[in-house]
Amino acid sequence: MTSLIDYNQDMGTPNAVTHPQTVAISEFKARCLSLVEHVRRTGQPLIVTKHGRPIAEVIPASADRPRTGLLGSASDTGRILGDIVSPASAAGDWEVIGS
């Protein structure tokens, strides 16, 4: 396990870290809320590892990114071409109907 957060033993507060922090997934699971808060506060990414290999990166949210919902996101993007009410083929073309 490689954790680059340096905690002050007396105060229990993290010291400044200037490079991306790496944490094992087991430690991330146990301390998730405090680690995410650390990323938010410092703006530095967190790399989560499993068996020493990076599997995820926690990055601070960007205020520049537009926050759009899924509902209605495709409105006004489609076009109707032709008749959508009439059948696509004649009734006799279908075995079930023609019998």
C-alpha atoms as a PDB file:
ATOM      1  CA  MET A   1       0.000   0.000   0.000  1.00  0.00           C
ATOM      2  CA  THR A   2       1.359   3.389  -0.984  1.00  0.00           C
ATOM      3  CA  SER A   3      -0.359   6.350   0.580  1.00  0.00           C
ATOM      4  CA  LEU A   4       1.135   9.752   0.013  1.00  0.00           C
ATOM      5  CA  ILE A   5      -0.997  11.590   2.558  1.00  0.00           C
ATOM      6  CA  ASP A   6       1.314  12.586   5.353  1.00  0.00           C
ATOM      7  CA  TYR A   7      -0.676  12.933   8.572  1.00  0.00           C
ATOM      8  CA  ASN A   8       0.605  14.896  11.508  1.00  0.00           C
ATOM      9  CA  GLN A   9       0.586  12.326  14.312  1.00  0.00           C
ATOM     10  CA  ASP A  10      -0.140  14.916  17.002  1.00  0.00           C
ATOM     11  CA  MET A  11      -2.987  16.761  15.289  1.00  0.00           C
ATOM     12  CA  GLY A  12      -4.318  14.156  12.837  1.00  0.00           C
ATOM     13  CA  THR A  13      -4.379  16.719  10.035  1.00  0.00           C
ATOM     14  CA  PRO A  14      -2.988  16.109   6.557  1.00  0.00           C
ATOM     15  CA  ASN A  15       0.131  17.964   5.470  1.00  0.00           C
ATOM     16  CA  ALA A  16       0.379  19.451   1.971  1.00  0.00           C
ATOM     17  CA  VAL A  17       1.116  16.981  -0.848  1.00  0.00           C
ATOM     18  CA  THR A  18       2.351  18.308  -4.177  1.00  0.00           C
ATOM     19  CA  HIS A  19       1.962  15.178  -6.342  1.00  0.00           C
ATOM     20  CA  PRO A  20      -0.991  12.866  -7.015  1.00  0.00           C
ATOM     21  CA  GLN A  21      -1.852  10.788  -4.021  1.00  0.00           C
ATOM     22  CA  THR A  22      -2.084   7.000  -4.411  1.00  0.00           C
ATOM     23  CA  VAL A  23      -4.202   4.854  -2.142  1.00  0.00           C
ATOM     24  CA  ALA A  24      -5.080   1.153  -2.104  1.00  0.00           C
ATOM     25  CA  ILE A  25      -8.713   0.336  -2.763  1.00  0.00           C
ATOM     26  CA  SER A  26      -9.115  -1.194   0.707  1.00  0.00           C
ATOM     27  CA  GLU A  27      -7.970   2.056   2.326  1.00  0.00           C
ATOM     28  CA  PHE A  28     -10.141   4.079  -0.063  1.00  0.00           C
ATOM     29  CA  LYS A  29     -13.168   2.024   0.969  1.00  0.00           C
ATOM     30  CA  ALA A  30     -12.468   2.626   4.655  1.00  0.00           C
ATOM     31  CA  ARG A  31     -11.742   6.375   4.311  1.00  0.00           C
ATOM     32  CA  CYS A  32     -13.722   7.315   1.212  1.00  0.00           C
ATOM     33  CA  LEU A  33     -15.467  10.425   2.556  1.00  0.00           C
ATOM     34  CA  SER A  34     -12.345  11.978   4.045  1.00  0.00           C
ATOM     35  CA  LEU A  35     -10.291  11.219   0.922  1.00  0.00           C
ATOM     36  CA  VAL A  36     -12.899  12.733  -1.408  1.00  0.00           C
ATOM     37  CA  GLU A  37     -13.085  15.794   0.838  1.00  0.00           C
ATOM     38  CA  HIS A  38      -9.282  16.050   0.657  1.00  0.00           C
ATOM     39  CA  VAL A  39      -9.463  16.019  -3.162  1.00  0.00           C
ATOM     40  CA  ARG A  40     -12.150  18.714  -3.104  1.00  0.00           C
ATOM     41  CA  ARG A  41     -10.228  20.898  -0.678  1.00  0.00           C
ATOM     42  CA  THR A  42      -6.771  20.612  -2.262  1.00  0.00           C
ATOM     43  CA  GLY A  43      -7.764  20.203  -5.913  1.00  0.00           C
ATOM     44  CA  GLN A  44      -5.237  17.374  -6.270  1.00  0.00           C
ATOM     45  CA  PRO A  45      -6.299  14.073  -7.888  1.00  0.00           C
ATOM     46  CA  LEU A  46      -6.363  10.770  -6.043  1.00  0.00           C
ATOM     47  CA  ILE A  47      -5.317   7.536  -7.762  1.00  0.00           C
ATOM     48  CA  VAL A  48      -6.962   4.365  -6.418  1.00  0.00           C
ATOM     49  CA  THR A  49      -4.983   1.153  -6.911  1.00  0.00           C
ATOM     50  CA  LYS A  50      -5.746  -2.553  -6.715  1.00  0.00           C
ATOM     51  CA  HIS A  51      -2.751  -4.834  -6.283  1.00  0.00           C
ATOM     52  CA  GLY A  52      -0.502  -1.862  -7.085  1.00  0.00           C
ATOM     53  CA  ARG A  53      -2.188  -1.066 -10.426  1.00  0.00           C
ATOM     54  CA  PRO A  54      -4.211   2.123 -10.941  1.00  0.00           C
ATOM     55  CA  ILE A  55      -7.922   1.367 -11.405  1.00  0.00           C
ATOM     56  CA  ALA A  56      -9.578   4.741 -10.812  1.00  0.00           C
ATOM     57  CA  GLU A  57      -8.818   8.413 -10.485  1.00  0.00           C
ATOM     58  CA  VAL A  58     -10.794  10.785  -8.295  1.00  0.00           C
ATOM     59  CA  ILE A  59     -10.544  14.338  -9.598  1.00  0.00           C
ATOM     60  CA  PRO A  60     -12.092  17.541  -8.272  1.00  0.00           C
ATOM     61  CA  ALA A  61     -15.327  18.662  -9.890  1.00  0.00           C
ATOM     62  CA  SER A  62     -14.964  21.348 -12.498  1.00  0.00           C
ATOM     63  CA  ALA A  63     -17.132  24.439 -12.227  1.00  0.00           C
ATOM     64  CA  ASP A  64     -16.660  24.956 -15.994  1.00  0.00           C
ATOM     65  CA  ARG A  65     -18.433  21.721 -16.924  1.00  0.00           C
ATOM     66  CA  PRO A  66     -22.092  22.304 -17.819  1.00  0.00           C
ATOM     67  CA  ARG A  67     -24.462  20.297 -15.657  1.00  0.00           C
ATOM     68  CA  THR A  68     -27.116  18.951 -17.994  1.00  0.00           C
ATOM     69  CA  GLY A  69     -29.630  16.244 -17.247  1.00  0.00           C
ATOM     70  CA  LEU A  70     -30.423  13.292 -19.445  1.00  0.00           C
ATOM     71  CA  LEU A  71     -34.116  14.109 -19.654  1.00  0.00           C
ATOM     72  CA  GLY A  72     -34.722  16.364 -22.663  1.00  0.00           C
ATOM     73  CA  SER A  73     -31.078  16.424 -23.727  1.00  0.00           C
ATOM     74  CA  ALA A  74     -31.951  15.192 -27.251  1.00  0.00           C
ATOM     75  CA  SER A  75     -34.912  17.528 -27.826  1.00  0.00           C
ATOM     76  CA  ASP A  76     -35.017  19.176 -31.250  1.00  0.00           C
ATOM     77  CA  THR A  77     -32.394  16.784 -32.658  1.00  0.00           C
ATOM     78  CA  GLY A  78     -34.620  14.457 -34.717  1.00  0.00           C
ATOM     79  CA  ARG A  79     -36.626  14.920 -37.909  1.00  0.00           C
ATOM     80  CA  ILE A  80     -39.721  13.087 -39.142  1.00  0.00           C
ATOM     81  CA  LEU A  81     -39.407  12.147 -42.812  1.00  0.00           C
ATOM     82  CA  GLY A  82     -42.530  10.918 -44.562  1.00  0.00           C
ATOM     83  CA  ASP A  83     -45.759   9.448 -43.259  1.00  0.00           C
ATOM     84  CA  ILE A  84     -45.514   7.942 -39.761  1.00  0.00           C
ATOM     85  CA  VAL A  85     -49.206   6.940 -39.553  1.00  0.00           C
ATOM     86  CA  SER A  86     -49.711   4.698 -42.610  1.00  0.00           C
ATOM     87  CA  PRO A  87     -48.468   1.072 -42.538  1.00  0.00           C
ATOM     88  CA  ALA A  88     -44.961   0.508 -43.875  1.00  0.00           C
ATOM     89  CA  SER A  89     -46.142  -2.333 -46.122  1.00  0.00           C
ATOM     90  CA  ALA A  90     -49.420  -3.667 -47.512  1.00  0.00           C
ATOM     91  CA  ALA A  91     -51.500  -5.960 -45.287  1.00  0.00           C
ATOM     92  CA  GLY A  92     -51.156  -8.829 -47.805  1.00  0.00           C
ATOM     93  CA  ASP A  93     -47.378  -8.829 -47.327  1.00  0.00           C
ATOM     94  CA  TRP A  94     -47.829 -10.297 -43.847  1.00  0.00           C
ATOM     95  CA  GLU A  95     -48.484 -14.066 -43.565  1.00  0.00           C
ATOM     96  CA  VAL A  96     -50.567 -13.686 -40.412  1.00  0.00           C
ATOM     97  CA  ILE A  97     -52.873 -11.121 -41.963  1.00  0.00           C
ATOM     98  CA  GLY A  98     -53.049 -12.737 -45.422  1.00  0.00           C
ATOM     99  CA  SER A  99     -54.224 -16.144 -44.111  1.00  0.00           C
END
